Amino acid sequence: MIAAVLQCTLGLFLAVYLAPLIRLHGWMVAILIIPMVVAPAMIGLMYRLVLHEFVGPLPYYLVKLFGSAPPFLNGANVFKTVVVAEALQWTPFAFLLFLTAYEAIPGEMREAAAVDGTRPWRMFWKIEFPLMMPTLFAALFVRFIDGFRVFDNIYTLVGPGPGGATTSMSIYIYETFLRRGEIGKAMAAAILLFLSAFILLAAAQHLVRRRG
């Protein structure tokens, strides 16, 4: 949930802030969505190399500049590292959704508000943001659901993590079934994962119907 909120917040900011530039230079979108195109497993391996305590370039330059570097993959920091890595990869997804919704707002509404003397921030909070709320809800829901099945990027980055700090349901099922051979526990966890996803989907459908 933390990663989903972070992704949507950054995606919304980038969509609104960069929209004028993207209208002039459409090729910027291709650069901004590169992290989303790369396979999650490769992203995990890349971060594992970049953040490695002994051979990673980021800790090396932090030590050079500040005299020390935090251990990004130890038990105290690994959860934060995973959240940031997940957010950086999937923020482009939220950015694309919000950019589409932002550009779909009729220009006449902005022109009428500008004629009335509405300031840009007030125009955003009173006109643009309410019109983008359905997109915000959809992005949050999709990313929240996707967080249940996250596996490859976390597993290639740190695996279950120190003391199981980054063990998602998918990683738990994989470790329990294939590594320890505890088929009963793995099946129970898989059923719980399925039921949780089903309940969330049913609740979201109910909310959409009520809103309609």
N, C-alpha and C. Protein backbone atom coordinates (compact mmCIF):
# COMPACT_ATOMS: atom_id res chain seq x y z
N MET A 1 0.82 -1.20 0.00
CA MET A 1 0.00 0.00 0.00
C MET A 1 0.87 1.26 0.00
N ILE A 2 1.98 1.23 0.75
CA ILE A 2 2.88 2.38 0.79
C ILE A 2 3.44 2.65 -0.60
N ALA A 3 3.87 1.60 -1.29
CA ALA A 3 4.42 1.77 -2.63
C ALA A 3 3.36 2.29 -3.60
N ALA A 4 2.12 1.81 -3.48
CA ALA A 4 1.05 2.25 -4.37
C ALA A 4 0.77 3.74 -4.19
N VAL A 5 0.70 4.19 -2.94
CA VAL A 5 0.45 5.61 -2.67
C VAL A 5 1.62 6.46 -3.19
N LEU A 6 2.83 5.99 -2.98
CA LEU A 6 4.01 6.72 -3.45
C LEU A 6 4.03 6.81 -4.97
N GLN A 7 3.71 5.71 -5.64
CA GLN A 7 3.69 5.71 -7.10
C GLN A 7 2.65 6.67 -7.65
N CYS A 8 1.45 6.66 -7.07
CA CYS A 8 0.38 7.54 -7.56
C CYS A 8 0.70 9.00 -7.27
N THR A 9 1.30 9.28 -6.12
CA THR A 9 1.65 10.66 -5.80
C THR A 9 2.70 11.20 -6.78
N LEU A 10 3.76 10.43 -7.00
CA LEU A 10 4.80 10.86 -7.93
C LEU A 10 4.27 10.93 -9.36
N GLY A 11 3.45 9.94 -9.74
CA GLY A 11 2.90 9.94 -11.09
C GLY A 11 2.01 11.13 -11.35
N LEU A 12 1.18 11.49 -10.36
CA LEU A 12 0.31 12.66 -10.51
C LEU A 12 1.12 13.94 -10.62
N PHE A 13 2.13 14.07 -9.79
CA PHE A 13 2.98 15.27 -9.83
C PHE A 13 3.67 15.40 -11.19
N LEU A 14 4.25 14.30 -11.67
CA LEU A 14 4.96 14.35 -12.95
C LEU A 14 4.01 14.65 -14.11
N ALA A 15 2.82 14.06 -14.07
CA ALA A 15 1.86 14.28 -15.16
C ALA A 15 1.45 15.74 -15.24
N VAL A 16 1.15 16.35 -14.10
CA VAL A 16 0.69 17.74 -14.09
C VAL A 16 1.85 18.70 -14.37
N TYR A 17 3.00 18.42 -13.78
CA TYR A 17 4.14 19.33 -13.91
C TYR A 17 4.76 19.29 -15.30
N LEU A 18 4.80 18.10 -15.91
CA LEU A 18 5.47 17.94 -17.19
C LEU A 18 4.53 18.02 -18.39
N ALA A 19 3.23 18.14 -18.15
CA ALA A 19 2.27 18.17 -19.26
C ALA A 19 2.58 19.26 -20.29
N PRO A 20 2.90 20.50 -19.87
CA PRO A 20 3.23 21.53 -20.89
C PRO A 20 4.45 21.17 -21.73
N LEU A 21 5.47 20.57 -21.11
CA LEU A 21 6.66 20.18 -21.86
C LEU A 21 6.37 19.02 -22.81
N ILE A 22 5.54 18.09 -22.36
CA ILE A 22 5.23 16.92 -23.19
C ILE A 22 4.41 17.32 -24.40
N ARG A 23 3.58 18.37 -24.27
CA ARG A 23 2.84 18.84 -25.43
C ARG A 23 3.78 19.33 -26.53
N LEU A 24 4.90 19.89 -26.12
CA LEU A 24 5.89 20.38 -27.08
C LEU A 24 6.87 19.30 -27.53
N HIS A 25 7.20 18.39 -26.60
CA HIS A 25 8.19 17.35 -26.89
C HIS A 25 7.61 15.99 -26.48
N GLY A 26 6.86 15.39 -27.37
CA GLY A 26 6.21 14.12 -27.05
C GLY A 26 7.17 12.98 -26.80
N TRP A 27 8.41 13.09 -27.31
CA TRP A 27 9.39 12.02 -27.14
C TRP A 27 9.79 11.83 -25.67
N MET A 28 9.50 12.82 -24.82
CA MET A 28 9.84 12.69 -23.40
C MET A 28 9.12 11.53 -22.74
N VAL A 29 7.92 11.20 -23.24
CA VAL A 29 7.16 10.09 -22.65
C VAL A 29 7.94 8.79 -22.80
N ALA A 30 8.57 8.58 -23.94
CA ALA A 30 9.33 7.35 -24.17
C ALA A 30 10.46 7.19 -23.16
N ILE A 31 11.08 8.31 -22.78
CA ILE A 31 12.17 8.24 -21.80
C ILE A 31 11.62 7.96 -20.41
N LEU A 32 10.50 8.59 -20.08
CA LEU A 32 9.95 8.46 -18.73
C LEU A 32 9.40 7.06 -18.44
N ILE A 33 9.00 6.33 -19.47
CA ILE A 33 8.40 5.00 -19.22
C ILE A 33 9.42 3.87 -19.37
N ILE A 34 10.69 4.18 -19.56
CA ILE A 34 11.71 3.14 -19.71
C ILE A 34 11.74 2.17 -18.52
N PRO A 35 11.68 2.65 -17.24
CA PRO A 35 11.70 1.69 -16.12
C PRO A 35 10.57 0.67 -16.17
N MET A 36 9.40 1.08 -16.70
CA MET A 36 8.27 0.17 -16.76
C MET A 36 8.45 -0.90 -17.82
N VAL A 37 9.25 -0.60 -18.85
CA VAL A 37 9.45 -1.53 -19.95
C VAL A 37 10.42 -2.65 -19.58
N VAL A 38 11.38 -2.35 -18.71
CA VAL A 38 12.40 -3.34 -18.33
C VAL A 38 11.74 -4.43 -17.46
N ALA A 39 12.16 -5.66 -17.65
CA ALA A 39 11.63 -6.78 -16.86
C ALA A 39 11.90 -6.57 -15.38
N PRO A 40 10.91 -6.82 -14.51
CA PRO A 40 11.11 -6.61 -13.07
C PRO A 40 12.30 -7.38 -12.50
N ALA A 41 12.54 -8.59 -13.00
CA ALA A 41 13.67 -9.37 -12.50
C ALA A 41 14.99 -8.67 -12.80
N MET A 42 15.09 -8.06 -13.98
CA MET A 42 16.31 -7.33 -14.33
C MET A 42 16.46 -6.08 -13.49
N ILE A 43 15.34 -5.43 -13.16
CA ILE A 43 15.39 -4.26 -12.29
C ILE A 43 15.92 -4.66 -10.92
N GLY A 44 15.46 -5.80 -10.39
CA GLY A 44 15.94 -6.26 -9.10
C GLY A 44 17.43 -6.54 -9.11
N LEU A 45 17.91 -7.20 -10.17
CA LEU A 45 19.34 -7.48 -10.28
C LEU A 45 20.14 -6.19 -10.39
N MET A 46 19.61 -5.22 -11.14
CA MET A 46 20.32 -3.95 -11.30
C MET A 46 20.48 -3.24 -9.96
N TYR A 47 19.39 -3.16 -9.20
CA TYR A 47 19.47 -2.51 -7.90
C TYR A 47 20.39 -3.28 -6.94
N ARG A 48 20.39 -4.59 -7.08
CA ARG A 48 21.26 -5.40 -6.22
C ARG A 48 22.73 -5.07 -6.47
N LEU A 49 23.08 -4.86 -7.73
CA LEU A 49 24.46 -4.50 -8.06
C LEU A 49 24.77 -3.05 -7.66
N VAL A 50 23.82 -2.15 -7.91
CA VAL A 50 24.05 -0.73 -7.63
C VAL A 50 24.17 -0.46 -6.14
N LEU A 51 23.39 -1.20 -5.32
CA LEU A 51 23.33 -0.93 -3.89
C LEU A 51 24.21 -1.86 -3.05
N HIS A 52 24.95 -2.75 -3.70
CA HIS A 52 25.77 -3.71 -2.95
C HIS A 52 26.76 -2.97 -2.06
N GLU A 53 26.88 -3.46 -0.83
CA GLU A 53 27.68 -2.75 0.17
C GLU A 53 29.16 -2.64 -0.21
N PHE A 54 29.68 -3.64 -0.93
CA PHE A 54 31.12 -3.67 -1.21
C PHE A 54 31.47 -3.28 -2.65
N VAL A 55 30.61 -3.62 -3.61
CA VAL A 55 30.94 -3.35 -5.02
C VAL A 55 29.96 -2.38 -5.68
N GLY A 56 28.94 -1.95 -4.96
CA GLY A 56 27.94 -1.06 -5.55
C GLY A 56 28.47 0.36 -5.75
N PRO A 57 28.18 0.98 -6.89
CA PRO A 57 28.66 2.35 -7.13
C PRO A 57 28.03 3.39 -6.22
N LEU A 58 26.75 3.21 -5.85
CA LEU A 58 26.12 4.21 -4.99
C LEU A 58 26.75 4.27 -3.60
N PRO A 59 26.94 3.15 -2.89
CA PRO A 59 27.66 3.23 -1.61
C PRO A 59 29.08 3.76 -1.77
N TYR A 60 29.74 3.42 -2.87
CA TYR A 60 31.12 3.89 -3.10
C TYR A 60 31.17 5.41 -3.15
N TYR A 61 30.29 6.02 -3.94
CA TYR A 61 30.32 7.48 -4.07
C TYR A 61 29.81 8.17 -2.81
N LEU A 62 28.88 7.54 -2.10
CA LEU A 62 28.43 8.12 -0.83
C LEU A 62 29.58 8.15 0.18
N VAL A 63 30.37 7.11 0.21
CA VAL A 63 31.54 7.08 1.10
C VAL A 63 32.55 8.14 0.67
N LYS A 64 32.74 8.29 -0.63
CA LYS A 64 33.68 9.28 -1.13
C LYS A 64 33.25 10.70 -0.77
N LEU A 65 31.95 10.95 -0.87
CA LEU A 65 31.44 12.31 -0.66
C LEU A 65 31.19 12.63 0.80
N PHE A 66 30.62 11.66 1.55
CA PHE A 66 30.18 11.94 2.92
C PHE A 66 30.90 11.13 3.99
N GLY A 67 31.76 10.22 3.58
CA GLY A 67 32.52 9.45 4.55
C GLY A 67 31.86 8.17 5.00
N SER A 68 30.60 7.97 4.69
CA SER A 68 29.90 6.73 5.08
C SER A 68 28.70 6.55 4.17
N ALA A 69 28.20 5.32 4.15
CA ALA A 69 27.01 4.99 3.34
C ALA A 69 26.14 4.03 4.12
N PRO A 70 24.83 4.24 4.11
CA PRO A 70 23.94 3.33 4.84
C PRO A 70 23.90 1.96 4.16
N PRO A 71 23.83 0.89 4.93
CA PRO A 71 23.69 -0.45 4.33
C PRO A 71 22.25 -0.64 3.81
N PHE A 72 22.06 -0.43 2.53
CA PHE A 72 20.72 -0.42 1.94
C PHE A 72 20.01 -1.77 2.05
N LEU A 73 20.76 -2.87 2.10
CA LEU A 73 20.15 -4.19 2.05
C LEU A 73 20.20 -4.94 3.37
N ASN A 74 20.46 -4.22 4.49
CA ASN A 74 20.45 -4.91 5.78
C ASN A 74 19.03 -4.91 6.36
N GLY A 75 18.86 -5.52 7.50
CA GLY A 75 17.52 -5.68 8.06
C GLY A 75 16.82 -4.38 8.38
N ALA A 76 17.57 -3.34 8.71
CA ALA A 76 16.95 -2.07 9.11
C ALA A 76 16.47 -1.26 7.91
N ASN A 77 17.11 -1.43 6.76
CA ASN A 77 16.80 -0.57 5.61
C ASN A 77 16.22 -1.30 4.41
N VAL A 78 16.20 -2.63 4.43
CA VAL A 78 15.83 -3.36 3.22
C VAL A 78 14.39 -3.11 2.81
N PHE A 79 13.48 -2.96 3.79
CA PHE A 79 12.07 -2.71 3.42
C PHE A 79 11.92 -1.38 2.71
N LYS A 80 12.61 -0.35 3.22
CA LYS A 80 12.55 0.96 2.56
C LYS A 80 13.15 0.89 1.16
N THR A 81 14.23 0.14 1.03
CA THR A 81 14.87 -0.01 -0.28
C THR A 81 13.93 -0.67 -1.28
N VAL A 82 13.22 -1.70 -0.85
CA VAL A 82 12.29 -2.40 -1.73
C VAL A 82 11.15 -1.48 -2.13
N VAL A 83 10.62 -0.71 -1.19
CA VAL A 83 9.52 0.21 -1.49
C VAL A 83 9.95 1.25 -2.52
N VAL A 84 11.14 1.81 -2.34
CA VAL A 84 11.64 2.82 -3.28
C VAL A 84 11.88 2.20 -4.66
N ALA A 85 12.47 1.00 -4.70
CA ALA A 85 12.73 0.34 -5.97
C ALA A 85 11.42 0.03 -6.70
N GLU A 86 10.43 -0.45 -5.97
CA GLU A 86 9.13 -0.75 -6.57
C GLU A 86 8.46 0.53 -7.09
N ALA A 87 8.55 1.60 -6.30
CA ALA A 87 7.94 2.87 -6.71
C ALA A 87 8.60 3.44 -7.95
N LEU A 88 9.93 3.37 -8.02
CA LEU A 88 10.63 3.92 -9.17
C LEU A 88 10.31 3.16 -10.45
N GLN A 89 10.07 1.86 -10.35
CA GLN A 89 9.77 1.11 -11.56
C GLN A 89 8.35 1.36 -12.07
N TRP A 90 7.38 1.47 -11.15
CA TRP A 90 5.99 1.51 -11.58
C TRP A 90 5.34 2.89 -11.50
N THR A 91 6.10 3.90 -11.09
CA THR A 91 5.58 5.27 -11.18
C THR A 91 5.24 5.65 -12.63
N PRO A 92 6.02 5.23 -13.65
CA PRO A 92 5.63 5.55 -15.04
C PRO A 92 4.25 5.04 -15.41
N PHE A 93 3.81 3.92 -14.83
CA PHE A 93 2.47 3.42 -15.12
C PHE A 93 1.41 4.42 -14.64
N ALA A 94 1.56 4.89 -13.40
CA ALA A 94 0.63 5.89 -12.88
C ALA A 94 0.75 7.20 -13.66
N PHE A 95 1.97 7.54 -14.04
CA PHE A 95 2.19 8.77 -14.81
C PHE A 95 1.42 8.74 -16.13
N LEU A 96 1.44 7.62 -16.84
CA LEU A 96 0.72 7.51 -18.10
C LEU A 96 -0.78 7.66 -17.90
N LEU A 97 -1.31 7.03 -16.86
CA LEU A 97 -2.75 7.14 -16.59
C LEU A 97 -3.14 8.58 -16.28
N PHE A 98 -2.37 9.22 -15.41
CA PHE A 98 -2.71 10.59 -15.02
C PHE A 98 -2.50 11.58 -16.17
N LEU A 99 -1.48 11.35 -16.98
CA LEU A 99 -1.25 12.24 -18.12
C LEU A 99 -2.42 12.16 -19.10
N THR A 100 -2.90 10.94 -19.34
CA THR A 100 -4.05 10.77 -20.23
C THR A 100 -5.28 11.47 -19.67
N ALA A 101 -5.53 11.29 -18.37
CA ALA A 101 -6.69 11.93 -17.74
C ALA A 101 -6.54 13.45 -17.74
N TYR A 102 -5.34 13.93 -17.50
CA TYR A 102 -5.11 15.39 -17.44
C TYR A 102 -5.30 16.02 -18.81
N GLU A 103 -4.82 15.35 -19.85
CA GLU A 103 -4.97 15.90 -21.20
C GLU A 103 -6.41 15.79 -21.71
N ALA A 104 -7.19 14.89 -21.10
CA ALA A 104 -8.59 14.73 -21.53
C ALA A 104 -9.51 15.78 -20.94
N ILE A 105 -9.04 16.57 -20.00
CA ILE A 105 -9.88 17.63 -19.43
C ILE A 105 -10.13 18.68 -20.51
N PRO A 106 -11.39 19.06 -20.75
CA PRO A 106 -11.69 20.04 -21.80
C PRO A 106 -10.96 21.37 -21.58
N GLY A 107 -10.36 21.87 -22.63
CA GLY A 107 -9.65 23.14 -22.54
C GLY A 107 -10.57 24.30 -22.23
N GLU A 108 -11.86 24.18 -22.63
CA GLU A 108 -12.80 25.27 -22.37
C GLU A 108 -12.96 25.53 -20.88
N MET A 109 -12.88 24.46 -20.07
CA MET A 109 -13.02 24.62 -18.63
C MET A 109 -11.84 25.42 -18.06
N ARG A 110 -10.65 25.10 -18.53
CA ARG A 110 -9.47 25.85 -18.07
C ARG A 110 -9.55 27.31 -18.53
N GLU A 111 -9.98 27.53 -19.76
CA GLU A 111 -10.06 28.89 -20.28
C GLU A 111 -11.09 29.71 -19.52
N ALA A 112 -12.23 29.10 -19.21
CA ALA A 112 -13.26 29.81 -18.46
C ALA A 112 -12.77 30.15 -17.05
N ALA A 113 -12.07 29.22 -16.42
CA ALA A 113 -11.54 29.48 -15.08
C ALA A 113 -10.47 30.57 -15.12
N ALA A 114 -9.64 30.55 -16.18
CA ALA A 114 -8.60 31.57 -16.29
C ALA A 114 -9.21 32.94 -16.51
N VAL A 115 -10.28 33.02 -17.30
CA VAL A 115 -10.96 34.30 -17.52
C VAL A 115 -11.53 34.84 -16.21
N ASP A 116 -12.00 33.95 -15.35
CA ASP A 116 -12.54 34.36 -14.05
C ASP A 116 -11.46 34.73 -13.06
N GLY A 117 -10.21 34.60 -13.45
CA GLY A 117 -9.11 34.97 -12.56
C GLY A 117 -8.67 33.87 -11.62
N THR A 118 -9.01 32.62 -11.92
CA THR A 118 -8.63 31.51 -11.06
C THR A 118 -7.13 31.25 -11.17
N ARG A 119 -6.47 31.13 -10.05
CA ARG A 119 -5.04 30.87 -10.06
C ARG A 119 -4.77 29.40 -10.37
N PRO A 120 -3.56 29.10 -10.86
CA PRO A 120 -3.27 27.71 -11.28
C PRO A 120 -3.49 26.68 -10.19
N TRP A 121 -3.04 26.96 -8.94
CA TRP A 121 -3.22 25.98 -7.88
C TRP A 121 -4.69 25.77 -7.55
N ARG A 122 -5.44 26.85 -7.53
CA ARG A 122 -6.87 26.72 -7.25
C ARG A 122 -7.58 25.99 -8.39
N MET A 123 -7.15 26.26 -9.62
CA MET A 123 -7.74 25.56 -10.76
C MET A 123 -7.48 24.05 -10.65
N PHE A 124 -6.26 23.69 -10.19
CA PHE A 124 -5.94 22.27 -10.06
C PHE A 124 -6.80 21.61 -8.99
N TRP A 125 -6.89 22.22 -7.81
CA TRP A 125 -7.61 21.59 -6.70
C TRP A 125 -9.12 21.60 -6.88
N LYS A 126 -9.64 22.63 -7.52
CA LYS A 126 -11.10 22.77 -7.63
C LYS A 126 -11.67 22.21 -8.93
N ILE A 127 -10.87 22.11 -9.98
CA ILE A 127 -11.39 21.68 -11.28
C ILE A 127 -10.70 20.42 -11.77
N GLU A 128 -9.38 20.48 -11.91
CA GLU A 128 -8.65 19.38 -12.55
C GLU A 128 -8.58 18.14 -11.67
N PHE A 129 -8.21 18.32 -10.41
CA PHE A 129 -8.06 17.16 -9.53
C PHE A 129 -9.38 16.40 -9.33
N PRO A 130 -10.52 17.06 -9.08
CA PRO A 130 -11.78 16.30 -8.98
C PRO A 130 -12.11 15.51 -10.23
N LEU A 131 -11.78 16.07 -11.41
CA LEU A 131 -12.05 15.34 -12.64
C LEU A 131 -11.14 14.14 -12.82
N MET A 132 -9.99 14.17 -12.15
CA MET A 132 -9.04 13.05 -12.25
C MET A 132 -9.21 12.02 -11.14
N MET A 133 -10.15 12.23 -10.25
CA MET A 133 -10.34 11.31 -9.13
C MET A 133 -10.64 9.88 -9.56
N PRO A 134 -11.51 9.63 -10.57
CA PRO A 134 -11.72 8.23 -10.99
C PRO A 134 -10.43 7.55 -11.45
N THR A 135 -9.59 8.30 -12.16
CA THR A 135 -8.31 7.75 -12.59
C THR A 135 -7.40 7.46 -11.40
N LEU A 136 -7.41 8.36 -10.42
CA LEU A 136 -6.62 8.15 -9.21
C LEU A 136 -7.07 6.89 -8.47
N PHE A 137 -8.35 6.71 -8.36
CA PHE A 137 -8.87 5.51 -7.69
C PHE A 137 -8.47 4.25 -8.45
N ALA A 138 -8.58 4.30 -9.79
CA ALA A 138 -8.22 3.13 -10.60
C ALA A 138 -6.73 2.81 -10.47
N ALA A 139 -5.88 3.84 -10.49
CA ALA A 139 -4.44 3.62 -10.39
C ALA A 139 -4.08 3.04 -9.02
N LEU A 140 -4.66 3.59 -7.97
CA LEU A 140 -4.39 3.07 -6.63
C LEU A 140 -4.82 1.62 -6.51
N PHE A 141 -5.99 1.32 -7.04
CA PHE A 141 -6.51 -0.04 -6.92
C PHE A 141 -5.64 -1.03 -7.70
N VAL A 142 -5.27 -0.68 -8.92
CA VAL A 142 -4.46 -1.58 -9.74
C VAL A 142 -3.10 -1.82 -9.09
N ARG A 143 -2.46 -0.77 -8.61
CA ARG A 143 -1.14 -0.93 -8.00
C ARG A 143 -1.23 -1.66 -6.66
N PHE A 144 -2.32 -1.45 -5.91
CA PHE A 144 -2.49 -2.16 -4.65
C PHE A 144 -2.67 -3.65 -4.89
N ILE A 145 -3.48 -4.00 -5.89
CA ILE A 145 -3.66 -5.41 -6.23
C ILE A 145 -2.35 -6.01 -6.72
N ASP A 146 -1.62 -5.26 -7.52
CA ASP A 146 -0.36 -5.76 -8.06
C ASP A 146 0.66 -6.02 -6.95
N GLY A 147 0.53 -5.27 -5.84
CA GLY A 147 1.44 -5.48 -4.72
C GLY A 147 1.29 -6.85 -4.09
N PHE A 148 0.12 -7.48 -4.24
CA PHE A 148 -0.09 -8.81 -3.68
C PHE A 148 0.73 -9.87 -4.42
N ARG A 149 0.91 -9.67 -5.71
CA ARG A 149 1.58 -10.70 -6.51
C ARG A 149 3.05 -10.37 -6.78
N VAL A 150 3.57 -9.29 -6.21
CA VAL A 150 4.95 -8.92 -6.49
C VAL A 150 5.89 -10.05 -6.08
N PHE A 151 6.80 -10.37 -6.97
CA PHE A 151 7.69 -11.51 -6.71
C PHE A 151 9.09 -11.30 -7.28
N ASP A 152 9.17 -11.20 -8.62
CA ASP A 152 10.46 -11.32 -9.29
C ASP A 152 11.44 -10.22 -8.92
N ASN A 153 10.98 -8.96 -8.89
CA ASN A 153 11.95 -7.89 -8.59
C ASN A 153 12.46 -7.96 -7.15
N ILE A 154 11.58 -8.27 -6.20
CA ILE A 154 12.01 -8.39 -4.81
C ILE A 154 12.89 -9.62 -4.62
N TYR A 155 12.52 -10.73 -5.27
CA TYR A 155 13.27 -11.97 -5.07
C TYR A 155 14.68 -11.87 -5.63
N THR A 156 14.83 -11.21 -6.78
CA THR A 156 16.17 -11.06 -7.34
C THR A 156 16.97 -9.99 -6.59
N LEU A 157 16.28 -9.07 -5.92
CA LEU A 157 17.00 -8.03 -5.18
C LEU A 157 17.51 -8.54 -3.84
N VAL A 158 16.62 -9.07 -3.00
CA VAL A 158 17.01 -9.51 -1.66
C VAL A 158 16.41 -10.85 -1.26
N GLY A 159 15.56 -11.45 -2.10
CA GLY A 159 14.91 -12.69 -1.70
C GLY A 159 13.91 -12.43 -0.58
N PRO A 160 13.76 -13.36 0.35
CA PRO A 160 12.84 -13.11 1.48
C PRO A 160 13.30 -11.97 2.38
N GLY A 161 14.58 -11.58 2.26
CA GLY A 161 15.10 -10.49 3.09
C GLY A 161 15.57 -10.97 4.44
N PRO A 162 16.34 -10.13 5.14
CA PRO A 162 16.82 -10.50 6.48
C PRO A 162 15.65 -10.70 7.44
N GLY A 163 15.56 -11.90 7.99
CA GLY A 163 14.47 -12.19 8.92
C GLY A 163 13.10 -12.17 8.27
N GLY A 164 13.05 -12.35 6.95
CA GLY A 164 11.77 -12.34 6.25
C GLY A 164 11.17 -10.96 6.11
N ALA A 165 12.00 -9.91 6.14
CA ALA A 165 11.49 -8.53 6.12
C ALA A 165 10.78 -8.19 4.83
N THR A 166 11.13 -8.84 3.72
CA THR A 166 10.52 -8.51 2.43
C THR A 166 9.76 -9.70 1.85
N THR A 167 9.30 -10.58 2.69
CA THR A 167 8.57 -11.75 2.21
C THR A 167 7.14 -11.39 1.85
N SER A 168 6.85 -11.35 0.57
CA SER A 168 5.48 -11.16 0.12
C SER A 168 4.78 -12.52 0.10
N MET A 169 3.48 -12.49 -0.17
CA MET A 169 2.74 -13.75 -0.22
C MET A 169 3.27 -14.66 -1.32
N SER A 170 3.61 -14.08 -2.46
CA SER A 170 4.12 -14.89 -3.57
C SER A 170 5.46 -15.53 -3.21
N ILE A 171 6.33 -14.76 -2.56
CA ILE A 171 7.62 -15.31 -2.14
C ILE A 171 7.42 -16.38 -1.08
N TYR A 172 6.49 -16.15 -0.16
CA TYR A 172 6.22 -17.14 0.89
C TYR A 172 5.73 -18.45 0.27
N ILE A 173 4.83 -18.36 -0.70
CA ILE A 173 4.32 -19.58 -1.35
C ILE A 173 5.45 -20.30 -2.09
N TYR A 174 6.28 -19.55 -2.78
CA TYR A 174 7.40 -20.15 -3.51
C TYR A 174 8.36 -20.84 -2.56
N GLU A 175 8.75 -20.13 -1.50
CA GLU A 175 9.71 -20.71 -0.56
C GLU A 175 9.12 -21.93 0.14
N THR A 176 7.87 -21.85 0.54
CA THR A 176 7.25 -22.94 1.28
C THR A 176 7.06 -24.18 0.41
N PHE A 177 6.67 -23.97 -0.83
CA PHE A 177 6.36 -25.10 -1.72
C PHE A 177 7.62 -25.73 -2.32
N LEU A 178 8.49 -24.87 -2.92
CA LEU A 178 9.62 -25.40 -3.67
C LEU A 178 10.88 -25.58 -2.85
N ARG A 179 11.06 -24.77 -1.82
CA ARG A 179 12.28 -24.87 -1.03
C ARG A 179 12.13 -25.82 0.16
N ARG A 180 10.99 -25.71 0.85
CA ARG A 180 10.81 -26.54 2.05
C ARG A 180 9.87 -27.72 1.84
N GLY A 181 9.18 -27.75 0.73
CA GLY A 181 8.32 -28.88 0.42
C GLY A 181 7.09 -28.98 1.30
N GLU A 182 6.67 -27.89 1.92
CA GLU A 182 5.48 -27.90 2.79
C GLU A 182 4.27 -27.54 1.93
N ILE A 183 3.76 -28.55 1.27
CA ILE A 183 2.70 -28.34 0.27
C ILE A 183 1.42 -27.82 0.92
N GLY A 184 1.08 -28.34 2.10
CA GLY A 184 -0.14 -27.90 2.78
C GLY A 184 -0.13 -26.42 3.10
N LYS A 185 0.97 -25.94 3.67
CA LYS A 185 1.07 -24.52 4.00
C LYS A 185 1.04 -23.65 2.74
N ALA A 186 1.71 -24.12 1.70
CA ALA A 186 1.73 -23.36 0.44
C ALA A 186 0.33 -23.27 -0.16
N MET A 187 -0.40 -24.37 -0.14
CA MET A 187 -1.77 -24.35 -0.69
C MET A 187 -2.67 -23.45 0.13
N ALA A 188 -2.53 -23.49 1.47
CA ALA A 188 -3.34 -22.62 2.32
C ALA A 188 -3.04 -21.15 2.04
N ALA A 189 -1.75 -20.82 1.88
CA ALA A 189 -1.38 -19.43 1.58
C ALA A 189 -1.91 -19.01 0.22
N ALA A 190 -1.86 -19.91 -0.77
CA ALA A 190 -2.37 -19.59 -2.10
C ALA A 190 -3.88 -19.34 -2.07
N ILE A 191 -4.59 -20.15 -1.29
CA ILE A 191 -6.04 -19.96 -1.18
C ILE A 191 -6.35 -18.63 -0.50
N LEU A 192 -5.59 -18.29 0.56
CA LEU A 192 -5.79 -17.01 1.23
C LEU A 192 -5.51 -15.84 0.29
N LEU A 193 -4.47 -15.98 -0.53
CA LEU A 193 -4.15 -14.94 -1.50
C LEU A 193 -5.28 -14.77 -2.51
N PHE A 194 -5.81 -15.89 -2.99
CA PHE A 194 -6.92 -15.84 -3.93
C PHE A 194 -8.16 -15.20 -3.31
N LEU A 195 -8.49 -15.61 -2.08
CA LEU A 195 -9.66 -15.05 -1.41
C LEU A 195 -9.51 -13.55 -1.15
N SER A 196 -8.30 -13.14 -0.75
CA SER A 196 -8.07 -11.71 -0.51
C SER A 196 -8.26 -10.90 -1.79
N ALA A 197 -7.70 -11.39 -2.89
CA ALA A 197 -7.86 -10.69 -4.17
C ALA A 197 -9.32 -10.66 -4.61
N PHE A 198 -10.03 -11.77 -4.39
CA PHE A 198 -11.45 -11.83 -4.77
C PHE A 198 -12.27 -10.84 -3.96
N ILE A 199 -12.02 -10.76 -2.65
CA ILE A 199 -12.76 -9.83 -1.80
C ILE A 199 -12.48 -8.39 -2.20
N LEU A 200 -11.23 -8.08 -2.49
CA LEU A 200 -10.89 -6.71 -2.90
C LEU A 200 -11.55 -6.35 -4.23
N LEU A 201 -11.55 -7.28 -5.17
CA LEU A 201 -12.20 -7.02 -6.45
C LEU A 201 -13.71 -6.84 -6.29
N ALA A 202 -14.31 -7.67 -5.44
CA ALA A 202 -15.75 -7.54 -5.21
C ALA A 202 -16.08 -6.21 -4.54
N ALA A 203 -15.26 -5.81 -3.57
CA ALA A 203 -15.48 -4.52 -2.89
C ALA A 203 -15.33 -3.36 -3.87
N ALA A 204 -14.31 -3.43 -4.73
CA ALA A 204 -14.10 -2.36 -5.71
C ALA A 204 -15.28 -2.29 -6.69
N GLN A 205 -15.77 -3.43 -7.13
CA GLN A 205 -16.91 -3.45 -8.04
C GLN A 205 -18.15 -2.86 -7.38
N HIS A 206 -18.33 -3.17 -6.09
CA HIS A 206 -19.47 -2.63 -5.36
C HIS A 206 -19.38 -1.11 -5.24
N LEU A 207 -18.18 -0.61 -4.96
CA LEU A 207 -17.99 0.85 -4.86
C LEU A 207 -18.24 1.53 -6.20
N VAL A 208 -17.78 0.91 -7.28
CA VAL A 208 -18.00 1.50 -8.60
C VAL A 208 -19.48 1.54 -8.94
N ARG A 209 -20.21 0.49 -8.60
CA ARG A 209 -21.65 0.48 -8.86
C ARG A 209 -22.38 1.53 -8.04
N ARG A 210 -21.99 1.68 -6.77
CA ARG A 210 -22.62 2.71 -5.94
C ARG A 210 -22.32 4.10 -6.47
N ARG A 211 -21.09 4.30 -6.93
CA ARG A 211 -20.73 5.60 -7.48
C ARG A 211 -21.52 5.88 -8.76
N GLY A 212 -21.69 4.81 -9.57
CA GLY A 212 -22.49 4.99 -10.78
C GLY A 212 -23.94 5.30 -10.47
